[in-house]
PDB file of all heavy atoms in Angstrom:
ATOM      1  N   LEU A   1     -13.199  -4.828  16.065  1.00  0.00           N
ATOM      2  CA  LEU A   1     -13.435  -3.392  15.940  1.00  0.00           C
ATOM      3  C   LEU A   1     -12.093  -2.675  15.601  1.00  0.00           C
ATOM      4  O   LEU A   1     -12.078  -1.862  14.692  1.00  0.00           O
ATOM      5  CB  LEU A   1     -14.122  -2.834  17.218  1.00  0.00           C
ATOM      6  CG  LEU A   1     -14.224  -1.298  17.239  1.00  0.00           C
ATOM      7  CD1 LEU A   1     -15.148  -0.842  16.159  1.00  0.00           C
ATOM      8  CD2 LEU A   1     -14.713  -0.885  18.591  1.00  0.00           C
ATOM      9  N   TRP A   2     -11.069  -3.014  16.392  1.00  0.00           N
ATOM     10  CA  TRP A   2      -9.827  -2.273  16.143  1.00  0.00           C
ATOM     11  C   TRP A   2      -9.167  -2.632  14.822  1.00  0.00           C
ATOM     12  O   TRP A   2      -8.452  -1.805  14.289  1.00  0.00           O
ATOM     13  CB  TRP A   2      -8.777  -2.594  17.301  1.00  0.00           C
ATOM     14  CG  TRP A   2      -9.316  -2.464  18.702  1.00  0.00           C
ATOM     15  CD1 TRP A   2      -9.209  -3.302  19.697  1.00  0.00           C
ATOM     16  CD2 TRP A   2     -10.026  -1.304  19.233  1.00  0.00           C
ATOM     17  NE1 TRP A   2      -9.782  -2.783  20.855  1.00  0.00           N
ATOM     18  CE2 TRP A   2     -10.285  -1.541  20.552  1.00  0.00           C
ATOM     19  CE3 TRP A   2     -10.417  -0.105  18.674  1.00  0.00           C
ATOM     20  CZ2 TRP A   2     -10.953  -0.662  21.404  1.00  0.00           C
ATOM     21  CZ3 TRP A   2     -11.081   0.830  19.461  1.00  0.00           C
ATOM     22  CH2 TRP A   2     -11.335   0.537  20.814  1.00  0.00           C
ATOM     23  N   GLY A   3      -9.426  -3.849  14.305  1.00  0.00           N
ATOM     24  CA  GLY A   3      -8.885  -4.212  13.030  1.00  0.00           C
ATOM     25  C   GLY A   3      -9.688  -3.801  11.839  1.00  0.00           C
ATOM     26  O   GLY A   3      -9.309  -4.120  10.712  1.00  0.00           O
ATOM     27  N   ALA A   4     -10.753  -3.089  12.019  1.00  0.00           N
ATOM     28  CA  ALA A   4     -11.713  -2.673  10.907  1.00  0.00           C
ATOM     29  C   ALA A   4     -11.055  -1.629   9.998  1.00  0.00           C
ATOM     30  O   ALA A   4     -11.209  -1.780   8.772  1.00  0.00           O
ATOM     31  CB  ALA A   4     -13.007  -2.138  11.522  1.00  0.00           C
ATOM     32  N   PRO A   5     -10.308  -0.619  10.479  1.00  0.00           N
ATOM     33  CA  PRO A   5      -9.679   0.328   9.543  1.00  0.00           C
ATOM     34  C   PRO A   5      -8.668  -0.298   8.667  1.00  0.00           C
ATOM     35  O   PRO A   5      -7.952  -1.228   8.981  1.00  0.00           O
ATOM     36  CB  PRO A   5      -9.051   1.383  10.513  1.00  0.00           C
ATOM     37  CG  PRO A   5      -9.731   1.229  11.737  1.00  0.00           C
ATOM     38  CD  PRO A   5     -10.105  -0.170  11.900  1.00  0.00           C
ATOM     39  N   GLN A   6      -8.587   0.130   7.393  1.00  0.00           N
ATOM     40  CA  GLN A   6      -7.646  -0.422   6.424  1.00  0.00           C
ATOM     41  C   GLN A   6      -6.217  -0.004   6.872  1.00  0.00           C
ATOM     42  O   GLN A   6      -5.981   1.087   7.407  1.00  0.00           O
ATOM     43  CB  GLN A   6      -7.907   0.082   5.032  1.00  0.00           C
ATOM     44  CG  GLN A   6      -9.260  -0.351   4.462  1.00  0.00           C
ATOM     45  CD  GLN A   6      -9.336  -1.919   4.317  1.00  0.00           C
ATOM     46  OE1 GLN A   6      -8.314  -2.553   3.875  1.00  0.00           O
ATOM     47  NE2 GLN A   6     -10.437  -2.458   4.676  1.00  0.00           N
ATOM     48  N   SER A   7      -5.277  -0.886   6.600  1.00  0.00           N
ATOM     49  CA  SER A   7      -3.901  -0.594   6.997  1.00  0.00           C
ATOM     50  C   SER A   7      -3.174   0.571   6.308  1.00  0.00           C
ATOM     51  O   SER A   7      -2.274   1.095   6.743  1.00  0.00           O
ATOM     52  CB  SER A   7      -3.069  -1.856   6.848  1.00  0.00           C
ATOM     53  OG  SER A   7      -2.970  -2.276   5.505  1.00  0.00           O
ATOM     54  N   ASP A   8      -3.781   0.934   5.072  1.00  0.00           N
ATOM     55  CA  ASP A   8      -3.245   2.073   4.331  1.00  0.00           C
ATOM     56  C   ASP A   8      -3.847   3.417   4.753  1.00  0.00           C
ATOM     57  O   ASP A   8      -3.607   4.414   4.110  1.00  0.00           O
ATOM     58  CB  ASP A   8      -3.403   1.834   2.877  1.00  0.00           C
ATOM     59  CG  ASP A   8      -4.889   1.724   2.463  1.00  0.00           C
ATOM     60  OD1 ASP A   8      -5.758   1.665   3.332  1.00  0.00           O
ATOM     61  OD2 ASP A   8      -5.172   1.623   1.231  1.00  0.00           O
ATOM     62  N   SER A   9      -4.605   3.412   5.880  1.00  0.00           N
ATOM     63  CA  SER A   9      -5.260   4.595   6.385  1.00  0.00           C
ATOM     64  C   SER A   9      -4.652   4.936   7.804  1.00  0.00           C
ATOM     65  O   SER A   9      -4.346   4.022   8.558  1.00  0.00           O
ATOM     66  CB  SER A   9      -6.755   4.466   6.536  1.00  0.00           C
ATOM     67  OG  SER A   9      -7.380   5.552   7.231  1.00  0.00           O
ATOM     68  N   TRP A  10      -4.545   6.207   8.104  1.00  0.00           N
ATOM     69  CA  TRP A  10      -4.034   6.591   9.458  1.00  0.00           C
ATOM     70  C   TRP A  10      -5.017   6.306  10.502  1.00  0.00           C
ATOM     71  O   TRP A  10      -4.665   6.244  11.659  1.00  0.00           O
ATOM     72  CB  TRP A  10      -3.699   8.066   9.411  1.00  0.00           C
ATOM     73  CG  TRP A  10      -2.448   8.451   8.668  1.00  0.00           C
ATOM     74  CD1 TRP A  10      -2.374   9.160   7.487  1.00  0.00           C
ATOM     75  CD2 TRP A  10      -1.105   8.080   9.062  1.00  0.00           C
ATOM     76  NE1 TRP A  10      -1.014   9.235   7.073  1.00  0.00           N
ATOM     77  CE2 TRP A  10      -0.265   8.602   8.016  1.00  0.00           C
ATOM     78  CE3 TRP A  10      -0.538   7.397  10.118  1.00  0.00           C
ATOM     79  CZ2 TRP A  10       1.124   8.422   8.111  1.00  0.00           C
ATOM     80  CZ3 TRP A  10       0.835   7.182  10.164  1.00  0.00           C
ATOM     81  CH2 TRP A  10       1.662   7.722   9.134  1.00  0.00           C
ATOM     82  N   LEU A  11      -6.301   5.899  10.084  1.00  0.00           N
ATOM     83  CA  LEU A  11      -7.270   5.476  11.131  1.00  0.00           C
ATOM     84  C   LEU A  11      -6.850   4.155  11.794  1.00  0.00           C
ATOM     85  O   LEU A  11      -7.284   3.886  12.867  1.00  0.00           O
ATOM     86  CB  LEU A  11      -8.663   5.349  10.501  1.00  0.00           C
ATOM     87  CG  LEU A  11      -9.395   6.606  10.103  1.00  0.00           C
ATOM     88  CD1 LEU A  11     -10.655   6.248   9.351  1.00  0.00           C
ATOM     89  CD2 LEU A  11      -9.669   7.453  11.362  1.00  0.00           C
ATOM     90  N   ALA A  12      -5.916   3.425  11.105  1.00  0.00           N
ATOM     91  CA  ALA A  12      -5.496   2.183  11.715  1.00  0.00           C
ATOM     92  C   ALA A  12      -4.734   2.490  13.022  1.00  0.00           C
ATOM     93  O   ALA A  12      -4.721   1.663  13.954  1.00  0.00           O
ATOM     94  CB  ALA A  12      -4.570   1.449  10.756  1.00  0.00           C
ATOM     95  N   LEU A  13      -4.178   3.709  13.171  1.00  0.00           N
ATOM     96  CA  LEU A  13      -3.454   4.052  14.430  1.00  0.00           C
ATOM     97  C   LEU A  13      -4.430   4.156  15.539  1.00  0.00           C
ATOM     98  O   LEU A  13      -4.042   3.767  16.685  1.00  0.00           O
ATOM     99  CB  LEU A  13      -2.759   5.385  14.173  1.00  0.00           C
ATOM    100  CG  LEU A  13      -1.876   5.898  15.347  1.00  0.00           C
ATOM    101  CD1 LEU A  13      -0.765   4.952  15.597  1.00  0.00           C
ATOM    102  CD2 LEU A  13      -1.340   7.250  15.071  1.00  0.00           C
ATOM    103  N   VAL A  14      -5.647   4.555  15.289  1.00  0.00           N
ATOM    104  CA  VAL A  14      -6.757   4.537  16.345  1.00  0.00           C
ATOM    105  C   VAL A  14      -6.927   3.083  16.824  1.00  0.00           C
ATOM    106  O   VAL A  14      -7.136   2.842  18.066  1.00  0.00           O
ATOM    107  CB  VAL A  14      -7.960   5.246  15.837  1.00  0.00           C
ATOM    108  CG1 VAL A  14      -9.039   5.183  16.881  1.00  0.00           C
ATOM    109  CG2 VAL A  14      -7.739   6.603  15.413  1.00  0.00           C
ATOM    110  N   GLY A  15      -7.027   2.206  15.831  1.00  0.00           N
ATOM    111  CA  GLY A  15      -7.255   0.762  16.219  1.00  0.00           C
ATOM    112  C   GLY A  15      -6.125   0.219  17.077  1.00  0.00           C
ATOM    113  O   GLY A  15      -6.401  -0.521  18.035  1.00  0.00           O
ATOM    114  N   PHE A  16      -4.865   0.581  16.689  1.00  0.00           N
ATOM    115  CA  PHE A  16      -3.725   0.055  17.494  1.00  0.00           C
ATOM    116  C   PHE A  16      -3.765   0.644  18.859  1.00  0.00           C
ATOM    117  O   PHE A  16      -3.415  -0.059  19.838  1.00  0.00           O
ATOM    118  CB  PHE A  16      -2.443   0.403  16.683  1.00  0.00           C
ATOM    119  CG  PHE A  16      -2.279  -0.299  15.363  1.00  0.00           C
ATOM    120  CD1 PHE A  16      -1.780   0.405  14.338  1.00  0.00           C
ATOM    121  CD2 PHE A  16      -2.634  -1.637  15.270  1.00  0.00           C
ATOM    122  CE1 PHE A  16      -1.687  -0.226  13.104  1.00  0.00           C
ATOM    123  CE2 PHE A  16      -2.460  -2.281  14.049  1.00  0.00           C
ATOM    124  CZ  PHE A  16      -1.978  -1.562  12.952  1.00  0.00           C
ATOM    125  N   ALA A  17      -4.117   1.925  18.957  1.00  0.00           N
ATOM    126  CA  ALA A  17      -4.172   2.528  20.305  1.00  0.00           C
ATOM    127  C   ALA A  17      -5.259   1.964  21.159  1.00  0.00           C
ATOM    128  O   ALA A  17      -5.085   1.650  22.390  1.00  0.00           O
ATOM    129  CB  ALA A  17      -4.346   4.060  20.164  1.00  0.00           C
ATOM    130  N   GLY A  18      -6.393   1.670  20.563  1.00  0.00           N
ATOM    131  CA  GLY A  18      -7.519   0.996  21.289  1.00  0.00           C
ATOM    132  C   GLY A  18      -7.067  -0.356  21.665  1.00  0.00           C
ATOM    133  O   GLY A  18      -7.374  -0.749  22.864  1.00  0.00           O
ATOM    134  N   HIS A  19      -6.486  -1.122  20.867  1.00  0.00           N
ATOM    135  CA  HIS A  19      -6.040  -2.476  21.268  1.00  0.00           C
ATOM    136  C   HIS A  19      -5.059  -2.428  22.365  1.00  0.00           C
ATOM    137  O   HIS A  19      -5.087  -3.204  23.258  1.00  0.00           O
ATOM    138  CB  HIS A  19      -5.365  -3.146  19.983  1.00  0.00           C
ATOM    139  CG  HIS A  19      -4.718  -4.436  20.320  1.00  0.00           C
ATOM    140  ND1 HIS A  19      -5.469  -5.660  20.456  1.00  0.00           N
ATOM    141  CD2 HIS A  19      -3.482  -4.792  20.590  1.00  0.00           C
ATOM    142  CE1 HIS A  19      -4.648  -6.610  20.708  1.00  0.00           C
ATOM    143  NE2 HIS A  19      -3.418  -6.156  20.836  1.00  0.00           N
ATOM    144  N   ALA A  20      -4.060  -1.500  22.289  1.00  0.00           N
ATOM    145  CA  ALA A  20      -3.140  -1.420  23.364  1.00  0.00           C
ATOM    146  C   ALA A  20      -3.744  -1.053  24.670  1.00  0.00           C
ATOM    147  O   ALA A  20      -3.372  -1.592  25.736  1.00  0.00           O
ATOM    148  CB  ALA A  20      -2.000  -0.355  22.964  1.00  0.00           C
ATOM    149  N   PHE A  21      -4.696  -0.159  24.644  1.00  0.00           N
ATOM    150  CA  PHE A  21      -5.358   0.261  25.913  1.00  0.00           C
ATOM    151  C   PHE A  21      -6.145  -0.930  26.494  1.00  0.00           C
ATOM    152  O   PHE A  21      -6.030  -1.200  27.701  1.00  0.00           O
ATOM    153  CB  PHE A  21      -6.310   1.434  25.649  1.00  0.00           C
ATOM    154  CG  PHE A  21      -7.068   1.830  26.819  1.00  0.00           C
ATOM    155  CD1 PHE A  21      -6.515   2.727  27.791  1.00  0.00           C
ATOM    156  CD2 PHE A  21      -8.341   1.363  27.099  1.00  0.00           C
ATOM    157  CE1 PHE A  21      -7.218   3.091  28.922  1.00  0.00           C
ATOM    158  CE2 PHE A  21      -9.133   1.775  28.229  1.00  0.00           C
ATOM    159  CZ  PHE A  21      -8.541   2.632  29.129  1.00  0.00           C
ATOM    160  N   ILE A  22      -6.952  -1.569  25.665  1.00  0.00           N
ATOM    161  CA  ILE A  22      -7.854  -2.697  26.125  1.00  0.00           C
ATOM    162  C   ILE A  22      -6.939  -3.858  26.689  1.00  0.00           C
ATOM    163  O   ILE A  22      -7.186  -4.345  27.760  1.00  0.00           O
ATOM    164  CB  ILE A  22      -8.777  -3.197  25.040  1.00  0.00           C
ATOM    165  CG1 ILE A  22      -9.743  -2.069  24.687  1.00  0.00           C
ATOM    166  CG2 ILE A  22      -9.476  -4.437  25.469  1.00  0.00           C
ATOM    167  CD1 ILE A  22     -10.701  -1.723  25.782  1.00  0.00           C
ATOM    168  N   THR A  23      -5.945  -4.305  25.908  1.00  0.00           N
ATOM    169  CA  THR A  23      -5.183  -5.415  26.417  1.00  0.00           C
ATOM    170  C   THR A  23      -4.417  -5.090  27.686  1.00  0.00           C
ATOM    171  O   THR A  23      -4.256  -5.915  28.556  1.00  0.00           O
ATOM    172  CB  THR A  23      -4.190  -5.850  25.347  1.00  0.00           C
ATOM    173  OG1 THR A  23      -3.373  -4.752  24.892  1.00  0.00           O
ATOM    174  CG2 THR A  23      -4.952  -6.430  24.125  1.00  0.00           C
ATOM    175  N   THR A  24      -3.927  -3.858  27.793  1.00  0.00           N
ATOM    176  CA  THR A  24      -3.181  -3.432  28.998  1.00  0.00           C
ATOM    177  C   THR A  24      -4.174  -3.365  30.209  1.00  0.00           C
ATOM    178  O   THR A  24      -3.849  -3.797  31.367  1.00  0.00           O
ATOM    179  CB  THR A  24      -2.504  -2.094  28.814  1.00  0.00           C
ATOM    180  OG1 THR A  24      -1.596  -2.155  27.693  1.00  0.00           O
ATOM    181  CG2 THR A  24      -1.682  -1.712  30.053  1.00  0.00           C
ATOM    182  N   ALA A  25      -5.360  -2.837  29.949  1.00  0.00           N
ATOM    183  CA  ALA A  25      -6.364  -2.747  31.093  1.00  0.00           C
ATOM    184  C   ALA A  25      -6.731  -4.154  31.488  1.00  0.00           C
ATOM    185  O   ALA A  25      -6.946  -4.385  32.687  1.00  0.00           O
ATOM    186  CB  ALA A  25      -7.600  -1.997  30.545  1.00  0.00           C
ATOM    187  N   LEU A  26      -6.952  -5.074  30.531  1.00  0.00           N
ATOM    188  CA  LEU A  26      -7.284  -6.441  30.981  1.00  0.00           C
ATOM    189  C   LEU A  26      -6.211  -7.142  31.650  1.00  0.00           C
ATOM    190  O   LEU A  26      -6.438  -7.912  32.578  1.00  0.00           O
ATOM    191  CB  LEU A  26      -7.697  -7.220  29.645  1.00  0.00           C
ATOM    192  CG  LEU A  26      -8.978  -6.787  28.930  1.00  0.00           C
ATOM    193  CD1 LEU A  26      -9.200  -7.596  27.665  1.00  0.00           C
ATOM    194  CD2 LEU A  26     -10.238  -6.866  29.853  1.00  0.00           C
ATOM    195  N   LEU A  27      -4.957  -6.806  31.318  1.00  0.00           N
ATOM    196  CA  LEU A  27      -3.824  -7.406  32.062  1.00  0.00           C
ATOM    197  C   LEU A  27      -3.809  -6.803  33.462  1.00  0.00           C
ATOM    198  O   LEU A  27      -3.612  -7.580  34.457  1.00  0.00           O
ATOM    199  CB  LEU A  27      -2.494  -7.040  31.324  1.00  0.00           C
ATOM    200  CG  LEU A  27      -1.246  -7.607  32.004  1.00  0.00           C
ATOM    201  CD1 LEU A  27      -1.234  -9.049  32.195  1.00  0.00           C
ATOM    202  CD2 LEU A  27       0.003  -7.086  31.221  1.00  0.00           C
ATOM    203  N   ALA A  28      -4.027  -5.546  33.596  1.00  0.00           N
ATOM    204  CA  ALA A  28      -4.035  -4.891  34.957  1.00  0.00           C
ATOM    205  C   ALA A  28      -5.165  -5.524  35.771  1.00  0.00           C
ATOM    206  O   ALA A  28      -5.047  -5.822  36.936  1.00  0.00           O
ATOM    207  CB  ALA A  28      -4.185  -3.393  34.852  1.00  0.00           C
TER     208      ALA A  28
END
């Protein structure tokens, strides 16, 4: 899901933020 936005779109930033939140939450 996080990797769905194209890298040439600013929507990719949403994917990176979602990935950062999920991986950090799973680590916690």
